[in-house]
Amino acid sequence: MTAQAEARQLVELIAGPVRLGENVKVALARVAQLTGLGDRRVRGIWNGEARRIEAAEMDRLRQVALDARTREDAERAYRTHLARIQAYRQALRLCVEEHAGDVDLGRVELARNPAGSVDRSLDRGAR
């Protein structure tokens, strides 16, 4: 892959999907702002007009693209985590609704052993 092709691919990755109501020019301006390259330079890379890509430019594009990928991965993991939490909440809600009438919590009493003291399994050795 040539440097020009790689640079264009990196610009695409950094730009990400064009947002609703946004045009390519705005997305490329966002790339220019993130990378510190000029608007015209980014448009030249995008359009395949750049004859050469300097090493510093390529390094900057690679770094910002890596940051964008890392951010996307973190956002994807976060959304997955939120979906799992929502599924757990829904499962717990169904479980509670399913057994809501089974136990009257107002009438539950602590079990007493024959000596009359309260039986607490966690306090076995603390007499």
N, C-alpha and C. Protein backbone atom coordinates (compact mmCIF):
# COMPACT_ATOMS: atom_id res chain seq x y z
N MET A 1 0.85 -1.17 0.00
CA MET A 1 0.00 0.00 0.00
C MET A 1 0.90 1.24 0.00
N THR A 2 0.57 2.17 -0.83
CA THR A 2 1.36 3.40 -0.90
C THR A 2 1.05 4.30 0.30
N ALA A 3 1.93 5.24 0.53
CA ALA A 3 1.73 6.18 1.64
C ALA A 3 0.47 7.00 1.42
N GLN A 4 0.21 7.38 0.17
CA GLN A 4 -0.98 8.18 -0.13
C GLN A 4 -2.25 7.38 0.17
N ALA A 5 -2.25 6.11 -0.21
CA ALA A 5 -3.44 5.27 0.03
C ALA A 5 -3.64 5.04 1.53
N GLU A 6 -2.54 4.80 2.24
CA GLU A 6 -2.65 4.61 3.68
C GLU A 6 -3.13 5.88 4.37
N ALA A 7 -2.60 7.02 3.94
CA ALA A 7 -3.02 8.30 4.53
C ALA A 7 -4.50 8.54 4.30
N ARG A 8 -4.99 8.25 3.09
CA ARG A 8 -6.42 8.43 2.79
C ARG A 8 -7.26 7.51 3.67
N GLN A 9 -6.79 6.27 3.83
CA GLN A 9 -7.51 5.32 4.68
C GLN A 9 -7.55 5.81 6.13
N LEU A 10 -6.45 6.37 6.59
CA LEU A 10 -6.41 6.89 7.96
C LEU A 10 -7.34 8.09 8.13
N VAL A 11 -7.38 8.96 7.12
CA VAL A 11 -8.30 10.11 7.17
C VAL A 11 -9.74 9.61 7.24
N GLU A 12 -10.05 8.58 6.45
CA GLU A 12 -11.40 7.99 6.48
C GLU A 12 -11.73 7.46 7.87
N LEU A 13 -10.77 6.75 8.45
CA LEU A 13 -10.98 6.17 9.78
C LEU A 13 -11.18 7.25 10.83
N ILE A 14 -10.38 8.30 10.76
CA ILE A 14 -10.49 9.39 11.74
C ILE A 14 -11.82 10.12 11.58
N ALA A 15 -12.23 10.33 10.33
CA ALA A 15 -13.49 11.05 10.06
C ALA A 15 -14.67 10.25 10.58
N GLY A 16 -14.58 8.93 10.50
CA GLY A 16 -15.69 8.08 10.93
C GLY A 16 -16.88 8.27 10.01
N PRO A 17 -18.01 7.70 10.38
CA PRO A 17 -19.20 7.89 9.55
C PRO A 17 -19.65 9.34 9.59
N VAL A 18 -20.08 9.83 8.45
CA VAL A 18 -20.57 11.21 8.38
C VAL A 18 -21.87 11.28 9.16
N ARG A 19 -21.94 12.22 10.07
CA ARG A 19 -23.11 12.34 10.94
C ARG A 19 -24.30 12.91 10.19
N LEU A 20 -25.47 12.70 10.72
CA LEU A 20 -26.69 13.19 10.11
C LEU A 20 -26.64 14.71 9.98
N GLY A 21 -26.90 15.21 8.80
CA GLY A 21 -26.90 16.65 8.56
C GLY A 21 -25.51 17.22 8.34
N GLU A 22 -24.51 16.36 8.27
CA GLU A 22 -23.13 16.81 8.10
C GLU A 22 -22.66 16.43 6.69
N ASN A 23 -21.85 17.27 6.09
CA ASN A 23 -21.31 16.91 4.79
C ASN A 23 -19.84 16.53 4.94
N VAL A 24 -19.23 16.08 3.86
CA VAL A 24 -17.86 15.61 3.89
C VAL A 24 -16.90 16.74 4.27
N LYS A 25 -17.20 17.94 3.82
CA LYS A 25 -16.32 19.08 4.11
C LYS A 25 -16.20 19.29 5.62
N VAL A 26 -17.30 19.19 6.33
CA VAL A 26 -17.29 19.36 7.79
C VAL A 26 -16.51 18.21 8.45
N ALA A 27 -16.70 16.99 7.95
CA ALA A 27 -15.98 15.84 8.50
C ALA A 27 -14.48 16.00 8.29
N LEU A 28 -14.07 16.49 7.12
CA LEU A 28 -12.65 16.69 6.85
C LEU A 28 -12.09 17.83 7.70
N ALA A 29 -12.89 18.85 7.95
CA ALA A 29 -12.45 19.94 8.84
C ALA A 29 -12.23 19.41 10.25
N ARG A 30 -13.08 18.47 10.67
CA ARG A 30 -12.92 17.85 11.99
C ARG A 30 -11.61 17.05 12.04
N VAL A 31 -11.30 16.34 10.94
CA VAL A 31 -10.04 15.59 10.86
C VAL A 31 -8.86 16.55 10.94
N ALA A 32 -8.95 17.66 10.22
CA ALA A 32 -7.87 18.66 10.24
C ALA A 32 -7.66 19.19 11.66
N GLN A 33 -8.74 19.43 12.36
CA GLN A 33 -8.64 19.94 13.74
C GLN A 33 -8.00 18.90 14.65
N LEU A 34 -8.41 17.64 14.51
CA LEU A 34 -7.88 16.57 15.36
C LEU A 34 -6.40 16.30 15.10
N THR A 35 -6.00 16.38 13.83
CA THR A 35 -4.63 16.03 13.47
C THR A 35 -3.67 17.20 13.52
N GLY A 36 -4.20 18.40 13.45
CA GLY A 36 -3.33 19.57 13.40
C GLY A 36 -2.83 19.88 12.00
N LEU A 37 -3.31 19.13 11.01
CA LEU A 37 -2.97 19.41 9.61
C LEU A 37 -3.93 20.47 9.09
N GLY A 38 -3.55 21.12 8.02
CA GLY A 38 -4.43 22.13 7.44
C GLY A 38 -5.63 21.52 6.74
N ASP A 39 -6.71 22.31 6.62
CA ASP A 39 -7.91 21.85 5.92
C ASP A 39 -7.58 21.42 4.49
N ARG A 40 -6.83 22.26 3.80
CA ARG A 40 -6.49 21.98 2.40
C ARG A 40 -5.65 20.72 2.28
N ARG A 41 -4.74 20.52 3.23
CA ARG A 41 -3.88 19.32 3.20
C ARG A 41 -4.73 18.06 3.39
N VAL A 42 -5.66 18.09 4.32
CA VAL A 42 -6.52 16.93 4.57
C VAL A 42 -7.40 16.67 3.35
N ARG A 43 -7.96 17.73 2.75
CA ARG A 43 -8.77 17.55 1.53
C ARG A 43 -7.93 16.99 0.39
N GLY A 44 -6.67 17.43 0.29
CA GLY A 44 -5.77 16.91 -0.74
C GLY A 44 -5.51 15.42 -0.55
N ILE A 45 -5.32 15.00 0.70
CA ILE A 45 -5.12 13.57 0.99
C ILE A 45 -6.40 12.81 0.65
N TRP A 46 -7.54 13.34 1.05
CA TRP A 46 -8.84 12.70 0.80
C TRP A 46 -9.09 12.52 -0.69
N ASN A 47 -8.79 13.55 -1.47
CA ASN A 47 -9.05 13.51 -2.91
C ASN A 47 -7.96 12.80 -3.70
N GLY A 48 -6.90 12.36 -3.04
CA GLY A 48 -5.81 11.68 -3.73
C GLY A 48 -4.91 12.62 -4.49
N GLU A 49 -4.89 13.88 -4.13
CA GLU A 49 -4.08 14.88 -4.81
C GLU A 49 -2.70 15.03 -4.19
N ALA A 50 -2.48 14.50 -3.00
CA ALA A 50 -1.20 14.65 -2.32
C ALA A 50 -0.15 13.79 -3.02
N ARG A 51 0.93 14.42 -3.48
CA ARG A 51 1.98 13.68 -4.18
C ARG A 51 2.90 12.96 -3.19
N ARG A 52 3.08 13.54 -2.03
CA ARG A 52 3.92 12.90 -1.01
C ARG A 52 3.32 13.19 0.36
N ILE A 53 3.59 12.29 1.26
CA ILE A 53 3.14 12.44 2.65
C ILE A 53 4.40 12.45 3.51
N GLU A 54 4.60 13.49 4.26
CA GLU A 54 5.77 13.58 5.12
C GLU A 54 5.62 12.61 6.30
N ALA A 55 6.76 12.18 6.82
CA ALA A 55 6.75 11.21 7.92
C ALA A 55 6.02 11.76 9.14
N ALA A 56 6.22 13.02 9.45
CA ALA A 56 5.54 13.62 10.62
C ALA A 56 4.02 13.62 10.42
N GLU A 57 3.58 13.90 9.19
CA GLU A 57 2.14 13.88 8.90
C GLU A 57 1.58 12.47 9.06
N MET A 58 2.31 11.49 8.53
CA MET A 58 1.86 10.10 8.61
C MET A 58 1.82 9.64 10.07
N ASP A 59 2.84 10.02 10.83
CA ASP A 59 2.86 9.66 12.26
C ASP A 59 1.66 10.26 12.99
N ARG A 60 1.37 11.51 12.70
CA ARG A 60 0.23 12.19 13.34
C ARG A 60 -1.08 11.52 12.95
N LEU A 61 -1.23 11.19 11.66
CA LEU A 61 -2.45 10.51 11.21
C LEU A 61 -2.60 9.15 11.89
N ARG A 62 -1.50 8.41 11.98
CA ARG A 62 -1.55 7.09 12.63
C ARG A 62 -1.93 7.21 14.10
N GLN A 63 -1.35 8.19 14.79
CA GLN A 63 -1.64 8.36 16.22
C GLN A 63 -3.11 8.73 16.45
N VAL A 64 -3.61 9.66 15.67
CA VAL A 64 -5.01 10.08 15.83
C VAL A 64 -5.95 8.94 15.45
N ALA A 65 -5.58 8.16 14.42
CA ALA A 65 -6.40 7.01 14.02
C ALA A 65 -6.42 5.96 15.13
N LEU A 66 -5.27 5.73 15.75
CA LEU A 66 -5.20 4.79 16.86
C LEU A 66 -6.07 5.26 18.02
N ASP A 67 -6.01 6.56 18.31
CA ASP A 67 -6.86 7.13 19.36
C ASP A 67 -8.34 6.96 19.02
N ALA A 68 -8.69 7.16 17.74
CA ALA A 68 -10.08 7.01 17.31
C ALA A 68 -10.53 5.57 17.46
N ARG A 69 -9.66 4.62 17.08
CA ARG A 69 -10.00 3.20 17.22
C ARG A 69 -10.18 2.84 18.69
N THR A 70 -9.28 3.31 19.52
CA THR A 70 -9.37 3.03 20.96
C THR A 70 -10.66 3.59 21.53
N ARG A 71 -11.01 4.80 21.13
CA ARG A 71 -12.24 5.43 21.60
C ARG A 71 -13.46 4.64 21.13
N GLU A 72 -13.45 4.20 19.86
CA GLU A 72 -14.56 3.39 19.34
C GLU A 72 -14.70 2.09 20.11
N ASP A 73 -13.57 1.43 20.38
CA ASP A 73 -13.60 0.17 21.13
C ASP A 73 -14.15 0.39 22.54
N ALA A 74 -13.73 1.47 23.17
CA ALA A 74 -14.21 1.77 24.53
C ALA A 74 -15.70 2.08 24.51
N GLU A 75 -16.16 2.83 23.51
CA GLU A 75 -17.59 3.15 23.41
C GLU A 75 -18.40 1.89 23.14
N ARG A 76 -17.87 1.00 22.29
CA ARG A 76 -18.57 -0.26 22.00
C ARG A 76 -18.66 -1.12 23.27
N ALA A 77 -17.56 -1.21 24.02
CA ALA A 77 -17.57 -1.98 25.27
C ALA A 77 -18.53 -1.36 26.27
N TYR A 78 -18.58 -0.05 26.34
CA TYR A 78 -19.49 0.65 27.25
C TYR A 78 -20.95 0.36 26.89
N ARG A 79 -21.27 0.45 25.58
CA ARG A 79 -22.64 0.16 25.15
C ARG A 79 -23.02 -1.29 25.45
N THR A 80 -22.08 -2.22 25.24
CA THR A 80 -22.33 -3.62 25.55
C THR A 80 -22.57 -3.81 27.04
N HIS A 81 -21.76 -3.15 27.84
CA HIS A 81 -21.91 -3.22 29.30
C HIS A 81 -23.27 -2.68 29.73
N LEU A 82 -23.68 -1.54 29.18
CA LEU A 82 -24.99 -0.98 29.52
C LEU A 82 -26.13 -1.91 29.10
N ALA A 83 -25.98 -2.55 27.95
CA ALA A 83 -27.01 -3.49 27.49
C ALA A 83 -27.11 -4.68 28.44
N ARG A 84 -25.97 -5.17 28.91
CA ARG A 84 -25.99 -6.29 29.86
C ARG A 84 -26.66 -5.87 31.17
N ILE A 85 -26.31 -4.69 31.65
CA ILE A 85 -26.93 -4.21 32.89
C ILE A 85 -28.44 -4.10 32.72
N GLN A 86 -28.88 -3.58 31.59
CA GLN A 86 -30.31 -3.46 31.32
C GLN A 86 -30.97 -4.83 31.28
N ALA A 87 -30.30 -5.80 30.66
CA ALA A 87 -30.84 -7.16 30.60
C ALA A 87 -30.93 -7.76 32.00
N TYR A 88 -29.90 -7.54 32.83
CA TYR A 88 -29.93 -8.05 34.20
C TYR A 88 -31.06 -7.41 35.00
N ARG A 89 -31.22 -6.10 34.84
CA ARG A 89 -32.31 -5.41 35.54
C ARG A 89 -33.66 -5.97 35.12
N GLN A 90 -33.82 -6.18 33.83
CA GLN A 90 -35.08 -6.72 33.32
C GLN A 90 -35.32 -8.12 33.88
N ALA A 91 -34.27 -8.95 33.91
CA ALA A 91 -34.40 -10.30 34.44
C ALA A 91 -34.76 -10.26 35.92
N LEU A 92 -34.13 -9.38 36.67
CA LEU A 92 -34.46 -9.26 38.10
C LEU A 92 -35.88 -8.76 38.30
N ARG A 93 -36.30 -7.82 37.47
CA ARG A 93 -37.65 -7.28 37.57
C ARG A 93 -38.66 -8.40 37.31
N LEU A 94 -38.41 -9.23 36.30
CA LEU A 94 -39.31 -10.33 36.00
C LEU A 94 -39.33 -11.33 37.15
N CYS A 95 -38.16 -11.59 37.72
CA CYS A 95 -38.07 -12.54 38.82
C CYS A 95 -38.84 -12.03 40.03
N VAL A 96 -38.70 -10.77 40.36
CA VAL A 96 -39.40 -10.18 41.50
C VAL A 96 -40.90 -10.18 41.26
N GLU A 97 -41.33 -9.81 40.06
CA GLU A 97 -42.76 -9.80 39.74
C GLU A 97 -43.34 -11.20 39.78
N GLU A 98 -42.56 -12.18 39.36
CA GLU A 98 -43.01 -13.56 39.32
C GLU A 98 -43.27 -14.11 40.73
N HIS A 99 -42.45 -13.70 41.69
CA HIS A 99 -42.55 -14.23 43.05
C HIS A 99 -43.09 -13.20 44.04
N ALA A 100 -43.69 -12.17 43.57
CA ALA A 100 -44.13 -11.08 44.44
C ALA A 100 -45.15 -11.55 45.48
N GLY A 101 -46.06 -12.43 45.14
CA GLY A 101 -47.10 -12.84 46.07
C GLY A 101 -46.75 -14.07 46.88
N ASP A 102 -45.59 -14.67 46.64
CA ASP A 102 -45.23 -15.92 47.31
C ASP A 102 -44.92 -15.75 48.79
N VAL A 103 -44.28 -14.67 49.17
CA VAL A 103 -43.83 -14.48 50.55
C VAL A 103 -44.37 -13.16 51.06
N ASP A 104 -45.00 -13.20 52.23
CA ASP A 104 -45.45 -11.98 52.87
C ASP A 104 -44.34 -11.55 53.83
N LEU A 105 -43.56 -10.57 53.41
CA LEU A 105 -42.40 -10.18 54.19
C LEU A 105 -42.78 -9.59 55.55
N GLY A 106 -43.99 -9.13 55.72
CA GLY A 106 -44.42 -8.59 57.01
C GLY A 106 -44.63 -9.68 58.04
N ARG A 107 -44.81 -10.92 57.64
CA ARG A 107 -45.09 -11.99 58.58
C ARG A 107 -43.89 -12.92 58.81
N VAL A 108 -42.81 -12.65 58.14
CA VAL A 108 -41.64 -13.52 58.31
C VAL A 108 -40.99 -13.20 59.65
N GLU A 109 -40.74 -14.24 60.44
CA GLU A 109 -40.10 -14.07 61.73
C GLU A 109 -38.79 -14.84 61.73
N LEU A 110 -37.88 -14.42 62.59
CA LEU A 110 -36.62 -15.14 62.71
C LEU A 110 -36.87 -16.48 63.38
N ALA A 111 -36.19 -17.49 62.90
CA ALA A 111 -36.30 -18.82 63.51
C ALA A 111 -35.60 -18.80 64.86
N ARG A 112 -36.23 -19.46 65.84
CA ARG A 112 -35.64 -19.50 67.17
C ARG A 112 -35.28 -20.94 67.50
N ASN A 113 -34.14 -21.09 68.14
CA ASN A 113 -33.76 -22.45 68.54
C ASN A 113 -34.43 -22.77 69.87
N PRO A 114 -34.35 -24.00 70.34
CA PRO A 114 -35.06 -24.38 71.57
C PRO A 114 -34.68 -23.54 72.79
N ALA A 115 -33.49 -22.99 72.83
CA ALA A 115 -33.08 -22.21 74.00
C ALA A 115 -33.70 -20.82 73.97
N GLY A 116 -34.35 -20.44 72.87
CA GLY A 116 -35.03 -19.16 72.78
C GLY A 116 -34.18 -18.04 72.20
N SER A 117 -32.93 -18.30 71.92
CA SER A 117 -32.09 -17.24 71.34
C SER A 117 -32.26 -17.23 69.81
N VAL A 118 -31.93 -16.14 69.24
CA VAL A 118 -32.06 -16.00 67.79
C VAL A 118 -30.96 -16.79 67.11
N ASP A 119 -31.33 -17.57 66.11
CA ASP A 119 -30.36 -18.36 65.36
C ASP A 119 -29.80 -17.52 64.22
N ARG A 120 -28.56 -17.17 64.32
CA ARG A 120 -27.90 -16.42 63.25
C ARG A 120 -26.69 -17.23 62.81
N SER A 121 -26.76 -17.75 61.63
CA SER A 121 -25.71 -18.64 61.17
C SER A 121 -24.36 -17.94 61.07
N LEU A 122 -24.34 -16.65 60.83
CA LEU A 122 -23.07 -15.94 60.72
C LEU A 122 -22.42 -15.68 62.06
N ASP A 123 -23.22 -15.73 63.15
CA ASP A 123 -22.69 -15.44 64.48
C ASP A 123 -22.47 -16.71 65.30
N ARG A 124 -22.27 -17.83 64.67
CA ARG A 124 -22.17 -19.10 65.38
C ARG A 124 -21.14 -19.10 66.49
N GLY A 125 -19.97 -18.56 66.25
CA GLY A 125 -18.90 -18.65 67.24
C GLY A 125 -18.84 -17.46 68.18
N ALA A 126 -19.77 -16.54 68.14
CA ALA A 126 -19.68 -15.31 68.92
C ALA A 126 -20.58 -15.32 70.13
N ARG A 127 -20.66 -16.38 70.90
CA ARG A 127 -21.51 -16.43 72.09
C ARG A 127 -20.83 -15.92 73.29
